N, C-alpha and C. Protein backbone atom coordinates (compact mmCIF):
# COMPACT_ATOMS: atom_id res chain seq x y z
N MET A 1 98.49 144.26 46.53
CA MET A 1 98.78 143.79 47.87
C MET A 1 98.49 144.87 48.91
N SER A 2 98.85 146.12 48.60
CA SER A 2 98.63 147.20 49.57
C SER A 2 97.15 147.37 49.88
N ARG A 3 96.28 147.18 48.86
CA ARG A 3 94.84 147.30 49.10
C ARG A 3 94.34 146.19 50.02
N ILE A 4 94.89 145.00 49.86
CA ILE A 4 94.51 143.88 50.73
C ILE A 4 94.93 144.18 52.16
N ILE A 5 96.14 144.69 52.33
CA ILE A 5 96.63 145.01 53.67
C ILE A 5 95.77 146.09 54.32
N LYS A 6 95.42 147.12 53.56
CA LYS A 6 94.59 148.18 54.10
C LYS A 6 93.22 147.65 54.51
N ARG A 7 92.69 146.75 53.70
CA ARG A 7 91.39 146.17 54.04
C ARG A 7 91.49 145.37 55.33
N PHE A 8 92.54 144.57 55.47
CA PHE A 8 92.71 143.78 56.69
C PHE A 8 92.92 144.67 57.91
N GLU A 9 93.57 145.82 57.70
CA GLU A 9 93.71 146.77 58.80
C GLU A 9 92.34 147.32 59.22
N ARG A 10 91.51 147.67 58.24
CA ARG A 10 90.18 148.18 58.54
C ARG A 10 89.34 147.14 59.27
N GLU A 11 89.54 145.88 58.91
CA GLU A 11 88.77 144.81 59.52
C GLU A 11 89.37 144.36 60.85
N ASN A 12 90.44 145.04 61.30
CA ASN A 12 91.10 144.71 62.57
C ASN A 12 91.67 143.29 62.57
N ILE A 13 92.16 142.86 61.40
CA ILE A 13 92.78 141.54 61.28
C ILE A 13 94.28 141.63 61.50
N LEU A 14 94.91 142.71 61.05
CA LEU A 14 96.34 142.89 61.24
C LEU A 14 96.67 144.36 61.49
N TYR A 15 97.90 144.60 61.94
CA TYR A 15 98.38 145.97 62.11
C TYR A 15 99.85 146.02 61.70
N LYS A 16 100.32 147.25 61.39
CA LYS A 16 101.69 147.44 60.93
C LYS A 16 102.51 148.15 61.99
N GLU A 17 103.80 147.80 62.04
CA GLU A 17 104.76 148.52 62.88
C GLU A 17 105.99 148.83 62.04
N LYS A 18 106.45 150.07 62.14
CA LYS A 18 107.59 150.50 61.35
C LYS A 18 108.87 149.85 61.89
N SER A 19 109.74 149.45 60.97
CA SER A 19 111.01 148.84 61.34
C SER A 19 111.93 149.89 61.99
N GLU A 20 112.55 149.53 63.10
CA GLU A 20 113.48 150.45 63.76
C GLU A 20 114.77 150.57 62.96
N GLU A 21 115.15 149.52 62.23
CA GLU A 21 116.38 149.54 61.45
C GLU A 21 116.22 150.32 60.14
N ASP A 22 115.03 150.22 59.54
CA ASP A 22 114.81 150.86 58.25
C ASP A 22 113.37 151.36 58.22
N SER A 23 113.18 152.67 58.34
CA SER A 23 111.84 153.25 58.44
C SER A 23 111.02 153.05 57.17
N ARG A 24 111.66 152.64 56.08
CA ARG A 24 110.91 152.38 54.86
C ARG A 24 110.17 151.05 54.92
N ASN A 25 110.56 150.21 55.83
CA ASN A 25 109.96 148.88 55.95
C ASN A 25 109.01 148.82 57.14
N HIS A 26 107.99 147.99 56.99
CA HIS A 26 107.03 147.77 58.07
C HIS A 26 106.87 146.27 58.30
N TYR A 27 106.65 145.90 59.55
CA TYR A 27 106.35 144.52 59.90
C TYR A 27 104.83 144.39 60.09
N LEU A 28 104.30 143.27 59.63
CA LEU A 28 102.87 143.00 59.76
C LEU A 28 102.63 142.00 60.89
N TYR A 29 101.64 142.29 61.73
CA TYR A 29 101.31 141.41 62.85
C TYR A 29 99.80 141.18 62.88
N LEU A 30 99.42 139.98 63.26
CA LEU A 30 98.01 139.67 63.42
C LEU A 30 97.51 140.25 64.74
N THR A 31 96.31 140.83 64.72
CA THR A 31 95.65 141.23 65.95
C THR A 31 95.09 139.98 66.64
N ASP A 32 94.52 140.16 67.83
CA ASP A 32 93.88 139.03 68.50
C ASP A 32 92.76 138.46 67.65
N PHE A 33 91.99 139.36 67.01
CA PHE A 33 90.91 138.91 66.13
C PHE A 33 91.48 138.17 64.93
N GLY A 34 92.58 138.70 64.37
CA GLY A 34 93.22 138.04 63.24
C GLY A 34 93.75 136.66 63.59
N GLN A 35 94.32 136.54 64.80
CA GLN A 35 94.82 135.24 65.24
C GLN A 35 93.68 134.24 65.42
N THR A 36 92.53 134.75 65.90
CA THR A 36 91.37 133.87 66.05
C THR A 36 90.92 133.33 64.70
N ILE A 37 90.85 134.21 63.71
CA ILE A 37 90.45 133.77 62.36
C ILE A 37 91.47 132.78 61.81
N TYR A 38 92.78 133.10 61.97
CA TYR A 38 93.82 132.22 61.46
C TYR A 38 93.72 130.82 62.08
N LYS A 39 93.51 130.77 63.40
CA LYS A 39 93.43 129.48 64.08
C LYS A 39 92.22 128.68 63.60
N LYS A 40 91.10 129.39 63.37
CA LYS A 40 89.91 128.70 62.88
C LYS A 40 90.14 128.14 61.48
N LEU A 41 90.78 128.93 60.62
CA LEU A 41 91.08 128.47 59.27
C LEU A 41 92.05 127.30 59.29
N GLU A 42 93.07 127.40 60.17
CA GLU A 42 94.05 126.33 60.27
C GLU A 42 93.40 125.05 60.76
N THR A 43 92.53 125.18 61.77
CA THR A 43 91.83 124.00 62.30
C THR A 43 90.95 123.37 61.23
N LYS A 44 90.21 124.21 60.49
CA LYS A 44 89.35 123.69 59.44
C LYS A 44 90.16 122.99 58.35
N ALA A 45 91.31 123.58 57.98
CA ALA A 45 92.16 122.96 56.95
C ALA A 45 92.69 121.61 57.43
N ASN A 46 93.12 121.56 58.70
CA ASN A 46 93.62 120.30 59.25
C ASN A 46 92.53 119.23 59.29
N GLN A 47 91.32 119.65 59.66
CA GLN A 47 90.21 118.70 59.71
C GLN A 47 89.91 118.14 58.32
N GLN A 48 89.95 119.02 57.32
CA GLN A 48 89.67 118.58 55.96
C GLN A 48 90.75 117.61 55.47
N ILE A 49 92.02 117.89 55.79
CA ILE A 49 93.11 117.00 55.39
C ILE A 49 92.99 115.66 56.09
N GLU A 50 92.69 115.69 57.41
CA GLU A 50 92.52 114.44 58.16
C GLU A 50 91.37 113.62 57.58
N TYR A 51 90.28 114.32 57.24
CA TYR A 51 89.13 113.63 56.68
C TYR A 51 89.51 112.94 55.37
N MET A 52 90.26 113.62 54.52
CA MET A 52 90.65 113.05 53.24
C MET A 52 91.62 111.89 53.41
N LEU A 53 92.59 112.08 54.28
CA LEU A 53 93.63 111.06 54.42
C LEU A 53 93.12 109.78 55.09
N LYS A 54 92.12 109.91 55.96
CA LYS A 54 91.64 108.70 56.64
C LYS A 54 90.91 107.76 55.68
N HIS A 55 90.54 108.30 54.51
CA HIS A 55 89.89 107.47 53.50
C HIS A 55 90.89 106.96 52.45
N VAL A 56 92.17 107.19 52.67
CA VAL A 56 93.21 106.76 51.74
C VAL A 56 93.97 105.60 52.38
N ASP A 57 94.05 104.49 51.70
CA ASP A 57 94.74 103.33 52.27
C ASP A 57 96.26 103.55 52.29
N ALA A 58 96.96 102.64 52.96
CA ALA A 58 98.40 102.78 53.16
C ALA A 58 99.16 102.84 51.84
N LYS A 59 98.76 102.01 50.89
CA LYS A 59 99.45 102.01 49.60
C LYS A 59 99.29 103.35 48.90
N SER A 60 98.08 103.89 48.95
CA SER A 60 97.84 105.18 48.31
C SER A 60 98.60 106.30 49.01
N GLN A 61 98.73 106.19 50.34
CA GLN A 61 99.49 107.21 51.07
C GLN A 61 100.96 107.21 50.64
N GLU A 62 101.50 106.04 50.36
CA GLU A 62 102.88 105.95 49.87
C GLU A 62 102.99 106.61 48.49
N GLN A 63 101.97 106.40 47.68
CA GLN A 63 101.96 107.03 46.35
C GLN A 63 101.93 108.55 46.48
N LEU A 64 101.17 109.04 47.44
CA LEU A 64 101.09 110.48 47.66
C LEU A 64 102.45 111.04 48.05
N ALA A 65 103.15 110.33 48.90
CA ALA A 65 104.46 110.79 49.36
C ALA A 65 105.48 110.79 48.22
N ARG A 66 105.40 109.80 47.34
CA ARG A 66 106.37 109.69 46.25
C ARG A 66 106.07 110.63 45.10
N ALA A 67 104.81 110.87 44.86
CA ALA A 67 104.47 111.66 43.67
C ALA A 67 103.23 112.51 43.95
N MET A 68 103.43 113.81 44.17
CA MET A 68 102.33 114.70 44.51
C MET A 68 101.32 114.85 43.37
N GLN A 69 101.73 114.50 42.17
CA GLN A 69 100.80 114.62 41.07
C GLN A 69 99.64 113.63 41.17
N THR A 70 99.79 112.62 42.04
CA THR A 70 98.69 111.66 42.21
C THR A 70 97.67 112.11 43.25
N VAL A 71 97.95 113.22 43.95
CA VAL A 71 97.07 113.65 45.03
C VAL A 71 95.64 113.87 44.55
N GLU A 72 95.49 114.63 43.46
CA GLU A 72 94.14 114.99 43.01
C GLU A 72 93.31 113.76 42.67
N SER A 73 93.91 112.81 41.94
CA SER A 73 93.13 111.64 41.53
C SER A 73 92.77 110.76 42.72
N ILE A 74 93.72 110.58 43.67
CA ILE A 74 93.44 109.73 44.82
C ILE A 74 92.35 110.33 45.70
N LEU A 75 92.45 111.63 45.99
CA LEU A 75 91.46 112.26 46.86
C LEU A 75 90.10 112.32 46.20
N SER A 76 90.05 112.52 44.90
CA SER A 76 88.76 112.58 44.22
C SER A 76 88.06 111.23 44.26
N GLU A 77 88.83 110.13 44.31
CA GLU A 77 88.25 108.80 44.41
C GLU A 77 87.72 108.53 45.81
N GLN A 78 88.41 109.08 46.85
CA GLN A 78 88.07 108.75 48.22
C GLN A 78 87.07 109.70 48.84
N LEU A 79 87.03 110.93 48.41
CA LEU A 79 86.20 111.94 49.06
C LEU A 79 84.82 112.00 48.44
N SER A 80 83.81 111.95 49.28
CA SER A 80 82.44 112.04 48.80
C SER A 80 82.01 113.50 48.77
N PRO A 81 81.76 114.06 47.60
CA PRO A 81 81.37 115.47 47.51
C PRO A 81 80.12 115.79 48.31
N GLN A 82 79.17 114.84 48.35
CA GLN A 82 77.93 115.09 49.07
C GLN A 82 78.17 115.28 50.56
N GLU A 83 79.23 114.68 51.10
CA GLU A 83 79.47 114.75 52.53
C GLU A 83 80.30 115.96 52.93
N ASN A 84 81.00 116.55 52.00
CA ASN A 84 81.99 117.54 52.41
C ASN A 84 81.98 118.80 51.54
N THR A 85 80.81 119.14 50.99
CA THR A 85 80.78 120.31 50.12
C THR A 85 80.50 121.59 50.89
N ILE A 86 79.86 121.51 52.03
CA ILE A 86 79.46 122.69 52.78
C ILE A 86 80.30 122.85 54.04
N SER A 87 80.84 124.03 54.23
CA SER A 87 81.53 124.35 55.47
C SER A 87 80.85 125.55 56.11
N ILE A 88 80.96 125.66 57.43
CA ILE A 88 80.32 126.76 58.16
C ILE A 88 81.36 127.44 59.03
N ARG A 89 81.44 128.76 58.90
CA ARG A 89 82.36 129.53 59.74
C ARG A 89 81.55 130.47 60.64
N ASP A 90 82.12 130.78 61.81
CA ASP A 90 81.38 131.59 62.79
C ASP A 90 82.04 132.94 63.03
N TYR A 91 82.63 133.50 62.02
CA TYR A 91 83.13 134.87 62.08
C TYR A 91 82.72 135.56 60.77
N TYR A 92 82.77 136.89 60.78
CA TYR A 92 82.33 137.61 59.58
C TYR A 92 83.14 138.89 59.41
N LEU A 93 83.19 139.36 58.18
CA LEU A 93 83.82 140.62 57.83
C LEU A 93 82.76 141.56 57.25
N SER A 94 83.15 142.79 56.99
CA SER A 94 82.18 143.76 56.48
C SER A 94 81.60 143.32 55.13
N ASP A 95 82.42 142.68 54.30
CA ASP A 95 81.93 142.21 53.00
C ASP A 95 80.86 141.13 53.16
N ASP A 96 80.96 140.34 54.23
CA ASP A 96 79.95 139.32 54.49
C ASP A 96 78.60 139.97 54.78
N ILE A 97 78.62 141.05 55.56
CA ILE A 97 77.38 141.76 55.87
C ILE A 97 76.73 142.28 54.59
N LYS A 98 77.55 142.87 53.73
CA LYS A 98 77.02 143.39 52.46
C LYS A 98 76.40 142.27 51.63
N LEU A 99 77.06 141.12 51.60
CA LEU A 99 76.54 139.99 50.82
C LEU A 99 75.25 139.46 51.43
N MET A 100 75.20 139.35 52.75
CA MET A 100 73.99 138.88 53.42
C MET A 100 72.80 139.79 53.11
N ILE A 101 73.04 141.10 53.15
CA ILE A 101 71.97 142.05 52.86
C ILE A 101 71.49 141.90 51.41
N GLU A 102 72.43 141.79 50.49
CA GLU A 102 72.07 141.67 49.09
C GLU A 102 71.33 140.36 48.81
N LYS A 103 71.80 139.25 49.40
CA LYS A 103 71.13 137.97 49.20
C LYS A 103 69.71 138.00 49.73
N GLN A 104 69.51 138.58 50.91
CA GLN A 104 68.17 138.63 51.50
C GLN A 104 67.27 139.58 50.71
N ARG A 105 67.81 140.74 50.32
CA ARG A 105 67.02 141.69 49.55
C ARG A 105 66.52 141.05 48.25
N THR A 106 67.43 140.37 47.55
CA THR A 106 67.08 139.74 46.28
C THR A 106 66.05 138.63 46.47
N PHE A 107 66.27 137.78 47.46
CA PHE A 107 65.35 136.65 47.68
C PHE A 107 63.94 137.14 47.98
N TYR A 108 63.80 138.05 48.94
CA TYR A 108 62.46 138.47 49.35
C TYR A 108 61.78 139.34 48.30
N ALA A 109 62.56 140.05 47.50
CA ALA A 109 61.96 140.83 46.41
C ALA A 109 61.44 139.91 45.32
N GLU A 110 62.24 138.90 44.93
CA GLU A 110 61.87 138.02 43.84
C GLU A 110 60.82 136.98 44.25
N ALA A 111 60.99 136.41 45.45
CA ALA A 111 60.11 135.32 45.87
C ALA A 111 58.81 135.81 46.52
N HIS A 112 58.84 137.00 47.14
CA HIS A 112 57.68 137.45 47.90
C HIS A 112 57.21 138.86 47.54
N GLY A 113 57.91 139.53 46.64
CA GLY A 113 57.47 140.84 46.20
C GLY A 113 57.64 141.95 47.22
N TRP A 114 58.56 141.79 48.18
CA TRP A 114 58.77 142.83 49.18
C TRP A 114 59.50 144.01 48.54
N ASP A 115 59.14 145.22 48.97
CA ASP A 115 59.67 146.41 48.32
C ASP A 115 60.90 146.99 49.02
N GLN A 116 61.27 148.21 48.65
CA GLN A 116 62.48 148.85 49.15
C GLN A 116 62.43 149.09 50.65
N THR A 117 61.25 149.21 51.22
CA THR A 117 61.16 149.45 52.66
C THR A 117 61.75 148.28 53.44
N PHE A 118 61.67 147.07 52.89
CA PHE A 118 62.31 145.92 53.55
C PHE A 118 63.83 146.07 53.51
N SER A 119 64.38 146.51 52.39
CA SER A 119 65.82 146.71 52.29
C SER A 119 66.30 147.74 53.32
N ASP A 120 65.53 148.80 53.48
CA ASP A 120 65.90 149.82 54.47
C ASP A 120 65.86 149.24 55.88
N TYR A 121 64.82 148.47 56.16
CA TYR A 121 64.70 147.82 57.47
C TYR A 121 65.86 146.85 57.71
N LEU A 122 66.20 146.08 56.68
CA LEU A 122 67.26 145.09 56.79
C LEU A 122 68.59 145.75 57.14
N GLN A 123 68.89 146.86 56.49
CA GLN A 123 70.13 147.59 56.80
C GLN A 123 70.18 147.96 58.27
N GLU A 124 69.06 148.41 58.83
CA GLU A 124 69.02 148.85 60.22
C GLU A 124 69.23 147.71 61.20
N THR A 125 68.83 146.49 60.81
CA THR A 125 68.95 145.38 61.74
C THR A 125 70.40 145.07 62.10
N PHE A 126 71.33 145.43 61.22
CA PHE A 126 72.74 145.15 61.48
C PHE A 126 73.38 146.20 62.40
N ASP A 127 72.61 147.19 62.82
CA ASP A 127 73.10 148.14 63.81
C ASP A 127 72.92 147.61 65.23
N ALA A 128 72.28 146.46 65.36
CA ALA A 128 72.01 145.88 66.67
C ALA A 128 73.28 145.30 67.28
N ASP A 129 73.16 144.83 68.51
CA ASP A 129 74.28 144.20 69.23
C ASP A 129 74.42 142.76 68.75
N ILE A 130 75.24 142.57 67.71
CA ILE A 130 75.39 141.24 67.10
C ILE A 130 76.18 140.33 68.03
N GLU A 131 75.59 139.21 68.36
CA GLU A 131 76.25 138.22 69.20
C GLU A 131 77.12 137.28 68.37
N LYS A 132 76.59 136.82 67.24
CA LYS A 132 77.30 135.83 66.43
C LYS A 132 76.64 135.74 65.05
N ILE A 133 77.44 135.42 64.05
CA ILE A 133 76.93 135.15 62.71
C ILE A 133 77.61 133.88 62.18
N TRP A 134 76.82 133.02 61.59
CA TRP A 134 77.36 131.81 60.94
C TRP A 134 77.10 131.93 59.44
N ILE A 135 78.11 131.58 58.66
CA ILE A 135 77.99 131.65 57.20
C ILE A 135 78.37 130.29 56.62
N ALA A 136 77.47 129.73 55.83
CA ALA A 136 77.72 128.45 55.16
C ALA A 136 78.27 128.74 53.77
N GLU A 137 79.28 127.97 53.37
CA GLU A 137 79.92 128.17 52.08
C GLU A 137 80.21 126.83 51.42
N SER A 138 80.32 126.88 50.11
CA SER A 138 80.73 125.72 49.33
C SER A 138 81.69 126.19 48.26
N ALA A 139 82.95 125.76 48.36
CA ALA A 139 83.99 126.18 47.42
C ALA A 139 84.04 127.69 47.27
N GLY A 140 83.89 128.39 48.39
CA GLY A 140 83.95 129.84 48.38
C GLY A 140 82.65 130.54 48.04
N ARG A 141 81.62 129.78 47.67
CA ARG A 141 80.31 130.37 47.33
C ARG A 141 79.41 130.44 48.54
N PHE A 142 78.64 131.51 48.64
CA PHE A 142 77.67 131.68 49.72
C PHE A 142 76.59 130.62 49.60
N ALA A 143 76.35 129.89 50.72
CA ALA A 143 75.31 128.86 50.72
C ALA A 143 74.19 129.18 51.69
N GLY A 144 74.46 130.00 52.69
CA GLY A 144 73.42 130.34 53.66
C GLY A 144 74.01 131.09 54.83
N CYS A 145 73.13 131.57 55.71
CA CYS A 145 73.59 132.31 56.88
C CYS A 145 72.51 132.33 57.95
N VAL A 146 72.94 132.63 59.16
CA VAL A 146 72.03 132.87 60.27
C VAL A 146 72.82 133.65 61.32
N GLY A 147 72.12 134.40 62.15
CA GLY A 147 72.82 135.19 63.15
C GLY A 147 72.04 135.29 64.44
N LEU A 148 72.71 135.81 65.45
CA LEU A 148 72.09 136.06 66.75
C LEU A 148 72.31 137.51 67.13
N VAL A 149 71.28 138.13 67.69
CA VAL A 149 71.37 139.48 68.23
C VAL A 149 71.06 139.40 69.73
N LYS A 150 71.88 140.08 70.51
CA LYS A 150 71.70 140.06 71.96
C LYS A 150 70.46 140.87 72.34
N HIS A 151 69.53 140.25 73.07
CA HIS A 151 68.33 140.93 73.56
C HIS A 151 68.51 141.37 75.00
N ASP A 152 68.96 140.44 75.85
CA ASP A 152 69.39 140.75 77.21
C ASP A 152 70.35 139.64 77.63
N ASP A 153 70.75 139.61 78.89
CA ASP A 153 71.77 138.65 79.33
C ASP A 153 71.33 137.20 79.15
N ARG A 154 70.04 136.94 79.11
CA ARG A 154 69.55 135.56 79.05
C ARG A 154 68.84 135.22 77.74
N THR A 155 68.60 136.23 76.91
CA THR A 155 67.78 136.03 75.72
C THR A 155 68.47 136.57 74.48
N VAL A 156 68.38 135.81 73.38
CA VAL A 156 68.93 136.25 72.09
C VAL A 156 67.87 136.10 71.02
N GLN A 157 68.00 136.90 69.97
CA GLN A 157 67.07 136.84 68.84
C GLN A 157 67.76 136.25 67.63
N LEU A 158 67.11 135.27 67.01
CA LEU A 158 67.61 134.67 65.77
C LEU A 158 67.23 135.60 64.62
N ARG A 159 68.23 135.91 63.76
CA ARG A 159 67.98 136.80 62.64
C ARG A 159 68.72 136.31 61.39
N TRP A 160 68.29 136.84 60.23
CA TRP A 160 68.99 136.71 58.95
C TRP A 160 69.13 135.26 58.48
N PHE A 161 68.18 134.41 58.84
CA PHE A 161 68.26 133.01 58.43
C PHE A 161 67.88 132.89 56.96
N LEU A 162 68.80 132.37 56.17
CA LEU A 162 68.56 132.22 54.73
C LEU A 162 69.44 131.12 54.17
N VAL A 163 68.87 130.29 53.31
CA VAL A 163 69.63 129.30 52.55
C VAL A 163 69.51 129.67 51.09
N ASP A 164 70.65 129.81 50.41
CA ASP A 164 70.65 130.15 49.00
C ASP A 164 69.93 129.07 48.21
N SER A 165 69.17 129.50 47.20
CA SER A 165 68.35 128.56 46.43
C SER A 165 69.16 127.43 45.80
N ALA A 166 70.43 127.70 45.47
CA ALA A 166 71.28 126.67 44.84
C ALA A 166 71.66 125.57 45.81
N PHE A 167 71.45 125.78 47.12
CA PHE A 167 71.90 124.80 48.12
C PHE A 167 70.75 124.30 48.99
N ARG A 168 69.54 124.48 48.54
CA ARG A 168 68.41 123.98 49.32
C ARG A 168 68.31 122.47 49.19
N ASN A 169 67.65 121.88 50.19
CA ASN A 169 67.47 120.42 50.26
C ASN A 169 68.79 119.68 50.40
N GLN A 170 69.80 120.35 50.96
CA GLN A 170 71.08 119.70 51.23
C GLN A 170 71.43 119.74 52.73
N GLY A 171 70.48 120.09 53.55
CA GLY A 171 70.71 120.11 54.99
C GLY A 171 71.43 121.34 55.51
N VAL A 172 71.56 122.37 54.67
CA VAL A 172 72.28 123.58 55.09
C VAL A 172 71.55 124.28 56.23
N GLY A 173 70.23 124.43 56.09
CA GLY A 173 69.45 125.09 57.13
C GLY A 173 69.55 124.39 58.46
N SER A 174 69.47 123.06 58.44
CA SER A 174 69.58 122.28 59.68
C SER A 174 70.95 122.46 60.33
N ARG A 175 71.99 122.47 59.52
CA ARG A 175 73.33 122.63 60.07
C ARG A 175 73.51 124.01 60.69
N LEU A 176 72.99 125.03 60.03
CA LEU A 176 73.10 126.39 60.56
C LEU A 176 72.36 126.53 61.89
N LEU A 177 71.13 126.03 61.94
CA LEU A 177 70.36 126.12 63.18
C LEU A 177 70.96 125.25 64.27
N GLY A 178 71.54 124.11 63.87
CA GLY A 178 72.21 123.26 64.86
C GLY A 178 73.40 123.96 65.50
N GLU A 179 74.20 124.65 64.68
CA GLU A 179 75.34 125.40 65.20
C GLU A 179 74.85 126.49 66.15
N LEU A 180 73.79 127.16 65.77
CA LEU A 180 73.26 128.25 66.59
C LEU A 180 72.76 127.73 67.94
N ILE A 181 72.00 126.66 67.94
CA ILE A 181 71.47 126.09 69.18
C ILE A 181 72.60 125.64 70.09
N ASP A 182 73.60 124.96 69.52
CA ASP A 182 74.74 124.49 70.33
C ASP A 182 75.47 125.67 70.97
N TYR A 183 75.65 126.74 70.22
CA TYR A 183 76.33 127.92 70.76
C TYR A 183 75.53 128.52 71.91
N CYS A 184 74.22 128.62 71.74
CA CYS A 184 73.38 129.20 72.79
C CYS A 184 73.43 128.37 74.07
N ARG A 185 73.46 127.06 73.91
CA ARG A 185 73.59 126.20 75.09
C ARG A 185 74.95 126.41 75.77
N GLU A 186 76.00 126.49 74.95
CA GLU A 186 77.34 126.69 75.48
C GLU A 186 77.44 128.01 76.25
N MET A 187 76.77 129.05 75.74
CA MET A 187 76.81 130.36 76.38
C MET A 187 75.76 130.50 77.48
N ARG A 188 74.99 129.45 77.70
CA ARG A 188 74.00 129.39 78.78
C ARG A 188 72.88 130.43 78.62
N PHE A 189 72.50 130.72 77.39
CA PHE A 189 71.30 131.52 77.18
C PHE A 189 70.08 130.67 77.52
N GLU A 190 69.02 131.33 77.95
CA GLU A 190 67.82 130.61 78.38
C GLU A 190 66.72 130.60 77.33
N ARG A 191 66.76 131.56 76.41
CA ARG A 191 65.68 131.64 75.43
C ARG A 191 66.20 132.21 74.11
N ILE A 192 65.69 131.65 73.02
CA ILE A 192 65.91 132.18 71.67
C ILE A 192 64.54 132.51 71.10
N PHE A 193 64.41 133.66 70.46
CA PHE A 193 63.15 133.95 69.79
C PHE A 193 63.44 134.51 68.40
N LEU A 194 62.43 134.47 67.55
CA LEU A 194 62.55 135.02 66.21
C LEU A 194 61.21 135.57 65.78
N TRP A 195 61.26 136.53 64.86
CA TRP A 195 60.06 137.06 64.22
C TRP A 195 60.08 136.66 62.75
N THR A 196 58.94 136.22 62.26
CA THR A 196 58.79 135.87 60.86
C THR A 196 57.40 136.29 60.42
N VAL A 197 56.98 135.88 59.25
CA VAL A 197 55.62 136.16 58.79
C VAL A 197 54.97 134.85 58.36
N SER A 198 53.65 134.84 58.35
CA SER A 198 52.92 133.59 58.13
C SER A 198 53.13 133.01 56.74
N THR A 199 53.57 133.84 55.78
CA THR A 199 53.79 133.33 54.42
C THR A 199 55.08 132.53 54.28
N MET A 200 55.91 132.53 55.31
CA MET A 200 57.16 131.77 55.27
C MET A 200 56.90 130.31 55.65
N ALA A 201 56.00 129.66 54.95
CA ALA A 201 55.56 128.32 55.32
C ALA A 201 56.69 127.30 55.25
N GLU A 202 57.64 127.50 54.32
CA GLU A 202 58.71 126.50 54.14
C GLU A 202 59.63 126.43 55.35
N ALA A 203 59.68 127.49 56.17
CA ALA A 203 60.58 127.50 57.32
C ALA A 203 59.95 126.89 58.56
N ARG A 204 58.63 126.80 58.60
CA ARG A 204 57.95 126.32 59.80
C ARG A 204 58.40 124.93 60.26
N PRO A 205 58.45 123.93 59.36
CA PRO A 205 58.88 122.61 59.81
C PRO A 205 60.28 122.61 60.41
N LEU A 206 61.16 123.45 59.88
CA LEU A 206 62.53 123.51 60.40
C LEU A 206 62.55 124.14 61.79
N TYR A 207 61.78 125.20 61.99
CA TYR A 207 61.71 125.81 63.31
C TYR A 207 61.15 124.81 64.33
N GLU A 208 60.11 124.10 63.93
CA GLU A 208 59.52 123.11 64.83
C GLU A 208 60.49 121.97 65.12
N LYS A 209 61.25 121.57 64.12
CA LYS A 209 62.24 120.50 64.30
C LYS A 209 63.25 120.86 65.38
N PHE A 210 63.61 122.14 65.47
CA PHE A 210 64.60 122.57 66.44
C PHE A 210 63.98 123.13 67.72
N GLY A 211 62.72 122.81 67.96
CA GLY A 211 62.11 123.11 69.24
C GLY A 211 61.46 124.48 69.38
N PHE A 212 61.34 125.23 68.29
CA PHE A 212 60.67 126.53 68.37
C PHE A 212 59.15 126.31 68.34
N ARG A 213 58.44 127.16 69.10
CA ARG A 213 56.98 127.09 69.14
C ARG A 213 56.38 128.46 68.90
N LEU A 214 55.29 128.50 68.16
CA LEU A 214 54.60 129.74 67.86
C LEU A 214 54.01 130.30 69.15
N THR A 215 54.38 131.55 69.51
CA THR A 215 53.95 132.14 70.78
C THR A 215 53.14 133.42 70.62
N GLU A 216 53.18 134.05 69.45
CA GLU A 216 52.44 135.30 69.26
C GLU A 216 52.14 135.50 67.78
N VAL A 217 50.94 135.95 67.49
CA VAL A 217 50.53 136.25 66.12
C VAL A 217 49.91 137.63 66.10
N LYS A 218 50.43 138.53 65.28
CA LYS A 218 49.88 139.87 65.15
C LYS A 218 48.80 139.91 64.07
N ASP A 219 47.96 140.93 64.13
CA ASP A 219 46.95 141.09 63.09
C ASP A 219 47.62 141.43 61.76
N GLU A 220 47.01 141.01 60.68
CA GLU A 220 47.53 141.33 59.35
C GLU A 220 47.56 142.84 59.15
N ALA A 221 48.68 143.32 58.59
CA ALA A 221 48.85 144.76 58.42
C ALA A 221 49.76 145.03 57.24
N PRO A 222 49.73 146.25 56.67
CA PRO A 222 50.64 146.59 55.56
C PRO A 222 52.09 146.55 56.03
N LEU A 223 52.94 145.87 55.28
CA LEU A 223 54.34 145.74 55.65
C LEU A 223 55.15 145.38 54.41
N TRP A 224 56.17 146.19 54.10
CA TRP A 224 57.10 145.92 53.00
C TRP A 224 56.39 145.73 51.65
N GLY A 225 55.35 146.52 51.44
CA GLY A 225 54.64 146.48 50.17
C GLY A 225 53.62 145.37 50.05
N GLN A 226 53.37 144.64 51.13
CA GLN A 226 52.40 143.55 51.13
C GLN A 226 51.51 143.69 52.37
N ARG A 227 50.53 142.83 52.48
CA ARG A 227 49.78 142.69 53.73
C ARG A 227 50.24 141.40 54.39
N LEU A 228 50.89 141.54 55.54
CA LEU A 228 51.54 140.39 56.17
C LEU A 228 51.10 140.25 57.63
N GLN A 229 51.19 139.02 58.08
CA GLN A 229 50.86 138.70 59.46
C GLN A 229 52.14 138.24 60.16
N GLU A 230 52.62 139.03 61.11
CA GLU A 230 53.87 138.71 61.81
C GLU A 230 53.64 137.64 62.88
N GLU A 231 54.64 136.79 63.04
CA GLU A 231 54.59 135.72 64.04
C GLU A 231 55.88 135.73 64.87
N ARG A 232 55.72 135.44 66.14
CA ARG A 232 56.89 135.24 67.01
C ARG A 232 56.97 133.77 67.39
N TRP A 233 58.19 133.22 67.28
CA TRP A 233 58.47 131.84 67.67
C TRP A 233 59.54 131.86 68.75
N ASP A 234 59.35 131.02 69.78
CA ASP A 234 60.30 130.97 70.90
C ASP A 234 60.83 129.56 71.10
N ARG A 235 62.07 129.51 71.59
CA ARG A 235 62.70 128.22 71.93
C ARG A 235 63.32 128.36 73.31
N GLU A 236 62.79 127.59 74.26
CA GLU A 236 63.35 127.56 75.61
C GLU A 236 64.51 126.59 75.64
N LEU A 237 65.61 126.99 76.29
CA LEU A 237 66.78 126.13 76.39
C LEU A 237 66.84 125.49 77.77
N ASP A 238 67.26 124.23 77.79
CA ASP A 238 67.34 123.48 79.05
C ASP A 238 68.45 124.02 79.93
């Protein structure tokens, strides 16, 4: 327990105050950041419960009240796994950054043969002014991620977009980009841009679907152990 508390302190989720009555005891309090995370988790839990219960008829609800042992069977009958397996959160901890780096390093090394220089570059990208990160999960498992880096007051850069291979073709990428676009509109940004390479053909239809257009193509050059052609894609916001 003490290790968990220390970790939450490092992550600025909670802080301790010594008891005035007994100096051996400490009280734990959530920071503003911790309260934000708690409220988001509470809201998500309430939404999930409401979603499950609205598919349970009145008779089944009475059964739930009388005997909690029937909860699992009733909810499993009413809840469609395909509709509710993926959740997306818009906050992150240091462990999330480590996981994002490892997932991206592994994917690009195995799928595209990129070398250690890409891993070094990837580490450096997280030193930027991070605006927001979204992480998709399923039953606690990493399903995908995407983030925004502040470029200037009106422009942000899309970074770290990845869908785990186990969750492809389930709409995870569309949901992540949809969350990102909605946030940018809410914050009144005027432009989103991203850099990719021409070999990322599978991502092109998704970028086009969300209004991104190819605006710049660099000459092919040595990069990350390969010869790659960098591309810039831009999305103007209304």
